[in-house]
Amino acid sequence: MSEKKPKRRNALGRGLGALLQDAPASMPARKPAKALEPINAIYEIDLLNIEANPFQPRTQFDEESLAELAESIKVQGIIQPITVRKISERKFQLISGERRYHASKMAGLLRIPAYVRTANDQQMLEMALIENIQRENLNAIEIALSYQRLISDCNLKQEDLGDRVGKKRSTITNYLRLLKLPPDIQAAIRDGKIGMGHARALINLENIDLQLHVFKQIISQDLSVRKVEELVKKLKDKKESGGEEQSKGKPQLSYELKQVQDKLSSYFGSRVIIHNDKNNSGSIKISYLSHEDLNRILEILDL
C-alpha cells in the first residue's frame, strides 16, 4: 500500500511574512519526516491529523467571532493558510492559525491548507507569541503577558524583543508595568472597562490602596484620562502612601486587620486606614477626593 501524503497545492504567498524564512520551493518525493525542511509550498492536511498548539498564549476564543469566521470560510474558503510543524509521519502540530483551525472544523471542512515548518519547542512558543502579539484585537494585558513570556520563556532581552515585534523598548516597558497592577485593575483593562491611558496614570501610584481608590473613581464617575492624571498628581503631591500614617510611632497592623482594611478599601472604593492601639482600641479613616466622592461614600453608608 502506498504511503499517504499531504496533498500539495500551489503557493499562495508568504503568509506569515517574517515568521516564515526563505526556503526551497519544493521538496523531494517521499522524503523522510525527520529530514523535512522549512518550505514555502502549501499542503492540504487532514484536520484530524492536526493537534492544537500546546504553547498557544491565547486560551479563550470568542464563540461569536469564531462562528462568523466559520461562515466566511464556508463562502470564501481559507484565504490565509495555517502554519504547522510535523511531529510524526501523519501528525502535525499547530504553530499559528488557531482561530482558522477551529473555525474550519466548525465550517465542516475535512482538510485545511498549511505551511509546514520545522521548529523546536522554544521556536514554537516564540512564533506563537509573536503571531499572537501582531493580532489587532488583543487587549493590553494579553500583549503584556505575551511580552513577559517571550522574555522569561524564550530568554529574550527587551532590546531583542523590540526588534522581533517592531516596538520601542519604552513601549514594551510600559506594557510590562501593567502586570504590576492589582488583579481587579488588570481585569478591567482586559475587559475594556478602562483604557491604556487610565492604566498608565494608575501605575504612577506606588501604593496599591491608592491605585484601587482611583480605579473605583474611574469606574463610578466615568473619569477621563486627563482627570485621572490630575487626581494622581494631587495624591502624589500630598505624598500619600500605604502605611505612611501608621509608621509614625504607631503599631503595625496584624495580618487580619490588614485584610479588613483592604476589604473596606475595596468596598468603599476609597482609601481606608485602620489605626490599632496597643490596647486594641483604634479608629477607621475613610479618605475622599471631592464633595461628589464624599456623597458617594455617604450613599454607601445610607446616611
Protein backbone atom coordinates (compact mmCIF):
# COMPACT_ATOMS: atom_id res chain seq x y z
CA MET A 1 0.00 0.00 0.00
CA SER A 2 1.40 3.37 -0.97
CA GLU A 3 2.16 5.82 1.80
CA LYS A 4 -0.48 8.53 2.27
CA LYS A 5 1.00 12.01 1.85
CA PRO A 6 -0.47 15.51 2.26
CA LYS A 7 -1.87 16.80 -1.00
CA ARG A 8 0.26 19.65 -2.33
CA ARG A 9 -1.16 22.95 -3.55
CA ASN A 10 0.46 25.86 -5.31
CA ALA A 11 1.89 28.56 -3.05
CA LEU A 12 -0.41 31.50 -2.32
CA GLY A 13 2.23 33.87 -0.98
CA ARG A 14 4.44 34.43 2.02
CA GLY A 15 1.59 34.49 4.54
CA LEU A 16 3.22 35.00 7.93
CA GLY A 17 5.96 37.10 6.33
CA ALA A 18 8.85 37.48 8.69
CA LEU A 19 7.89 34.35 10.62
CA LEU A 20 8.46 32.21 7.51
CA GLN A 21 12.02 32.16 6.29
CA ASP A 22 13.10 31.85 2.66
CA ALA A 23 13.42 28.18 1.74
CA PRO A 24 13.35 25.78 -1.23
CA ALA A 25 10.16 25.99 -3.28
CA SER A 26 9.74 22.22 -3.43
CA MET A 27 10.74 19.05 -1.60
CA PRO A 28 11.77 15.61 -2.93
CA ALA A 29 9.07 12.95 -3.14
CA ARG A 30 8.87 10.55 -0.17
CA LYS A 31 11.45 12.49 1.82
CA PRO A 32 11.60 11.18 5.44
CA ALA A 33 9.74 13.28 8.01
CA LYS A 34 12.88 13.82 10.10
CA ALA A 35 14.58 15.47 7.13
CA LEU A 36 11.70 17.88 6.39
CA GLU A 37 12.99 21.40 5.76
CA PRO A 38 11.16 24.75 6.00
CA ILE A 39 9.32 25.38 2.73
CA ASN A 40 7.18 27.99 1.10
CA ALA A 41 4.84 25.47 -0.50
CA ILE A 42 1.35 24.89 0.88
CA TYR A 43 -0.11 21.44 1.61
CA GLU A 44 -3.66 20.23 2.21
CA ILE A 45 -3.68 18.44 5.58
CA ASP A 46 -6.47 16.45 7.24
CA LEU A 47 -7.85 18.42 10.19
CA LEU A 48 -7.98 15.19 12.21
CA ASN A 49 -4.20 14.92 11.87
CA ILE A 50 -3.55 18.34 13.43
CA GLU A 51 -3.06 18.85 17.16
CA ALA A 52 -3.60 22.13 18.97
CA ASN A 53 -0.58 24.23 19.85
CA PRO A 54 0.38 23.49 23.48
CA PHE A 55 2.20 26.84 23.57
CA GLN A 56 -0.77 28.90 22.36
CA PRO A 57 -0.74 32.01 24.58
CA ARG A 58 -4.42 32.73 23.96
CA THR A 59 -6.65 30.20 25.67
CA GLN A 60 -10.06 31.85 25.14
CA PHE A 61 -11.70 32.49 21.79
CA ASP A 62 -14.91 34.43 21.26
CA GLU A 63 -17.53 31.93 20.09
CA GLU A 64 -19.49 34.52 18.11
CA SER A 65 -16.35 35.66 16.32
CA LEU A 66 -15.43 32.04 15.56
CA ALA A 67 -18.90 31.41 14.15
CA GLU A 68 -18.58 34.47 11.88
CA LEU A 69 -15.20 33.25 10.67
CA ALA A 70 -16.64 29.80 10.04
CA GLU A 71 -19.39 31.30 7.85
CA SER A 72 -16.78 33.29 5.93
CA ILE A 73 -14.74 30.13 5.39
CA LYS A 74 -17.78 28.34 4.02
CA VAL A 75 -18.13 31.04 1.38
CA GLN A 76 -14.57 32.15 0.69
CA GLY A 77 -12.52 29.18 1.90
CA ILE A 78 -9.22 29.58 3.77
CA ILE A 79 -7.54 32.71 2.46
CA GLN A 80 -4.53 32.59 4.82
CA PRO A 81 -3.06 29.10 5.40
CA ILE A 82 -2.23 27.98 8.92
CA THR A 83 1.33 27.05 9.92
CA VAL A 84 2.19 23.66 11.40
CA ARG A 85 5.17 21.50 12.27
CA LYS A 86 5.40 17.79 11.51
CA ILE A 87 5.78 15.66 14.64
CA SER A 88 5.29 12.18 13.13
CA GLU A 89 4.51 10.53 9.80
CA ARG A 90 0.86 11.65 9.77
CA LYS A 91 0.66 14.02 12.73
CA PHE A 92 1.10 17.79 12.73
CA GLN A 93 1.02 20.43 15.44
CA LEU A 94 -0.23 23.99 15.07
CA ILE A 95 2.29 26.82 15.20
CA SER A 96 -0.14 29.59 14.31
CA GLY A 97 -3.68 29.91 12.98
CA GLU A 98 -5.61 28.53 15.95
CA ARG A 99 -8.78 30.51 15.13
CA ARG A 100 -8.71 29.42 11.48
CA TYR A 101 -8.20 25.82 12.62
CA HIS A 102 -11.20 25.84 14.99
CA ALA A 103 -13.39 27.82 12.57
CA SER A 104 -12.58 25.37 9.76
CA LYS A 105 -13.78 22.50 11.95
CA MET A 106 -16.96 24.44 12.71
CA ALA A 107 -17.43 25.03 8.98
CA GLY A 108 -17.29 21.27 8.38
CA LEU A 109 -14.02 21.22 6.43
CA LEU A 110 -12.07 17.97 6.35
CA ARG A 111 -8.78 19.41 5.14
CA ILE A 112 -7.00 22.74 5.51
CA PRO A 113 -4.12 24.45 3.63
CA ALA A 114 -0.98 24.75 5.72
CA TYR A 115 2.64 25.75 5.62
CA VAL A 116 4.85 23.01 7.08
CA ARG A 117 7.74 24.15 9.25
CA THR A 118 10.41 22.51 11.36
CA ALA A 119 10.61 24.03 14.82
CA ASN A 120 11.64 23.02 18.33
CA ASP A 121 9.53 23.79 21.41
CA GLN A 122 11.12 27.19 22.08
CA GLN A 123 10.69 28.25 18.47
CA MET A 124 7.08 27.06 18.61
CA LEU A 125 6.42 29.24 21.65
CA GLU A 126 8.21 32.24 20.19
CA MET A 127 6.40 32.09 16.85
CA ALA A 128 3.01 31.59 18.52
CA LEU A 129 3.58 34.52 20.87
CA ILE A 130 4.79 36.88 18.16
CA GLU A 131 1.91 35.93 15.86
CA ASN A 132 -0.45 36.50 18.77
CA ILE A 133 1.00 39.94 19.54
CA GLN A 134 0.55 41.02 15.92
CA ARG A 135 -3.21 40.49 16.13
CA GLU A 136 -5.21 43.72 16.13
CA ASN A 137 -7.86 42.70 18.67
CA LEU A 138 -5.59 41.88 21.61
CA ASN A 139 -6.12 43.86 24.79
CA ALA A 140 -3.21 45.47 26.65
CA ILE A 141 -2.99 42.74 29.30
CA GLU A 142 -2.79 39.97 26.70
CA ILE A 143 0.00 41.86 24.95
CA ALA A 144 1.82 42.41 28.26
CA LEU A 145 1.57 38.71 29.17
CA SER A 146 2.89 37.73 25.73
CA TYR A 147 5.83 40.11 26.13
CA GLN A 148 6.52 38.67 29.58
CA ARG A 149 6.52 35.10 28.27
CA LEU A 150 8.85 36.00 25.40
CA ILE A 151 11.28 37.47 27.92
CA SER A 152 11.05 34.70 30.53
CA ASP A 153 10.37 31.56 28.47
CA CYS A 154 12.33 32.45 25.32
CA ASN A 155 15.21 34.16 27.15
CA LEU A 156 14.86 37.38 25.18
CA LYS A 157 16.11 40.75 26.39
CA GLN A 158 13.85 43.76 25.98
CA GLU A 159 16.08 45.14 23.21
CA ASP A 160 15.89 41.82 21.30
CA LEU A 161 12.15 41.64 21.89
CA GLY A 162 11.70 45.13 20.49
CA ASP A 163 13.48 44.07 17.30
CA ARG A 164 11.33 40.94 16.97
CA VAL A 165 7.98 42.70 17.34
CA GLY A 166 8.94 46.08 15.84
CA LYS A 167 8.34 48.10 19.02
CA LYS A 168 10.45 50.56 21.00
CA ARG A 169 11.85 49.37 24.31
CA SER A 170 9.87 52.08 26.15
CA THR A 171 6.63 50.73 24.65
CA ILE A 172 7.42 47.22 25.84
CA THR A 173 8.34 48.53 29.30
CA ASN A 174 5.00 50.36 29.59
CA TYR A 175 3.11 47.17 28.77
CA LEU A 176 5.13 45.09 31.24
CA ARG A 177 4.42 47.60 34.02
CA LEU A 178 0.70 46.83 33.65
CA LEU A 179 1.35 43.41 35.17
CA LYS A 180 2.29 45.09 38.46
CA LEU A 181 -1.24 46.50 38.84
CA PRO A 182 -3.73 44.71 41.16
CA PRO A 183 -5.79 41.87 39.62
CA ASP A 184 -9.02 43.92 39.71
CA ILE A 185 -7.44 46.66 37.58
CA GLN A 186 -5.84 44.18 35.19
CA ALA A 187 -9.24 42.53 34.71
CA ALA A 188 -10.79 45.93 33.95
CA ILE A 189 -8.14 46.60 31.30
CA ARG A 190 -8.71 43.15 29.81
CA ASP A 191 -12.48 43.68 29.72
CA GLY A 192 -12.20 47.16 28.19
CA LYS A 193 -13.62 48.98 31.23
CA ILE A 194 -10.59 51.29 31.40
CA GLY A 195 -8.08 52.22 28.74
CA MET A 196 -4.31 52.13 28.47
CA GLY A 197 -4.15 55.84 29.35
CA HIS A 198 -6.00 55.25 32.63
CA ALA A 199 -3.72 52.33 33.44
CA ARG A 200 -0.53 54.28 32.77
CA ALA A 201 -1.71 57.01 35.13
CA LEU A 202 -2.52 54.47 37.86
CA ILE A 203 0.93 52.89 37.56
CA ASN A 204 2.44 56.15 38.81
CA LEU A 205 0.85 55.48 42.20
CA GLU A 206 3.12 53.10 44.06
CA ASN A 207 0.55 52.23 46.71
CA ILE A 208 -2.00 49.54 45.80
CA ASP A 209 -4.70 51.02 48.05
CA LEU A 210 -4.40 54.34 46.23
CA GLN A 211 -4.46 52.60 42.86
CA LEU A 212 -7.69 50.82 43.80
CA HIS A 213 -9.10 54.03 45.23
CA VAL A 214 -8.60 55.98 41.99
CA PHE A 215 -9.70 52.98 39.93
CA LYS A 216 -13.06 52.95 41.72
CA GLN A 217 -13.43 56.64 40.90
CA ILE A 218 -12.76 55.94 37.23
CA ILE A 219 -15.50 53.31 37.14
CA SER A 220 -18.12 55.09 39.24
CA GLN A 221 -17.65 58.57 37.74
CA ASP A 222 -16.52 57.60 34.22
CA LEU A 223 -13.41 59.76 34.59
CA SER A 224 -11.37 60.81 31.58
CA VAL A 225 -7.66 60.06 31.33
CA ARG A 226 -6.86 63.72 31.96
CA LYS A 227 -8.97 63.77 35.15
CA VAL A 228 -7.25 60.62 36.39
CA GLU A 229 -3.85 62.17 35.74
CA GLU A 230 -4.91 65.21 37.79
CA LEU A 231 -6.06 63.02 40.69
CA VAL A 232 -2.86 61.02 40.62
CA LYS A 233 -0.77 64.19 40.66
CA LYS A 234 -2.79 65.52 43.59
CA LEU A 235 -2.25 62.34 45.56
CA LYS A 236 1.46 62.24 44.78
CA ASP A 237 1.87 65.87 45.79
CA LYS A 238 0.40 65.02 49.18
CA LYS A 239 2.99 62.23 49.37
CA GLU A 240 0.34 59.78 50.50
CA SER A 241 1.46 56.17 50.54
CA GLY A 242 0.21 52.98 52.14
CA GLY A 243 1.04 52.71 55.82
CA GLU A 244 2.70 56.15 55.98
CA GLU A 245 0.43 57.39 58.74
CA GLN A 246 0.86 54.15 60.65
CA SER A 247 4.65 54.44 60.64
CA LYS A 248 4.72 57.49 62.95
CA GLY A 249 5.19 55.57 66.20
CA LYS A 250 2.01 53.54 65.79
CA PRO A 251 1.87 49.73 65.96
CA GLN A 252 1.83 47.87 62.66
CA LEU A 253 -1.42 46.18 61.72
CA SER A 254 -1.80 42.45 62.16
CA TYR A 255 -2.41 40.31 59.08
CA GLU A 256 -6.09 40.00 59.99
CA LEU A 257 -6.61 43.77 60.38
CA LYS A 258 -4.70 44.41 57.15
CA GLN A 259 -7.17 42.09 55.40
CA VAL A 260 -10.07 44.02 56.93
CA GLN A 261 -8.50 47.31 55.80
CA ASP A 262 -8.13 46.02 52.24
CA LYS A 263 -11.73 44.77 52.16
CA LEU A 264 -13.03 48.13 53.41
CA SER A 265 -10.96 49.95 50.78
CA SER A 266 -12.46 47.73 48.10
CA TYR A 267 -16.00 48.11 49.49
CA PHE A 268 -15.94 51.91 49.65
CA GLY A 269 -13.78 52.37 46.58
CA SER A 270 -11.64 54.71 48.68
CA ARG A 271 -8.52 54.57 50.75
CA VAL A 272 -9.28 53.24 54.24
CA ILE A 273 -6.76 53.33 57.10
CA ILE A 274 -7.21 51.41 60.35
CA HIS A 275 -5.32 52.64 63.42
CA ASN A 276 -4.92 49.99 66.11
CA ASP A 277 -3.50 50.92 69.53
CA LYS A 278 -1.71 48.59 71.93
CA ASN A 279 -4.87 48.10 73.97
CA ASN A 280 -6.68 47.01 70.76
CA SER A 281 -8.75 50.18 70.59
CA GLY A 282 -8.45 52.24 67.44
CA SER A 283 -10.10 54.14 64.62
CA ILE A 284 -11.02 53.84 60.96
CA LYS A 285 -10.31 56.65 58.48
CA ILE A 286 -12.04 56.82 55.10
CA SER A 287 -10.49 59.24 52.60
CA TYR A 288 -12.37 61.10 49.87
CA LEU A 289 -11.19 63.31 47.00
CA SER A 290 -14.13 65.68 46.49
CA HIS A 291 -17.63 66.56 47.67
CA GLU A 292 -19.00 64.23 45.00
CA ASP A 293 -16.79 61.46 46.32
CA LEU A 294 -17.97 62.13 49.88
CA ASN A 295 -21.63 61.96 48.80
CA ARG A 296 -20.90 58.64 47.12
CA ILE A 297 -19.47 57.24 50.37
CA LEU A 298 -22.43 58.57 52.35
CA GLU A 299 -24.80 56.82 49.95
CA ILE A 300 -22.95 53.55 50.58
CA LEU A 301 -23.36 54.13 54.32
CA ASP A 302 -27.02 55.03 53.70
CA LEU A 303 -26.61 58.37 55.55
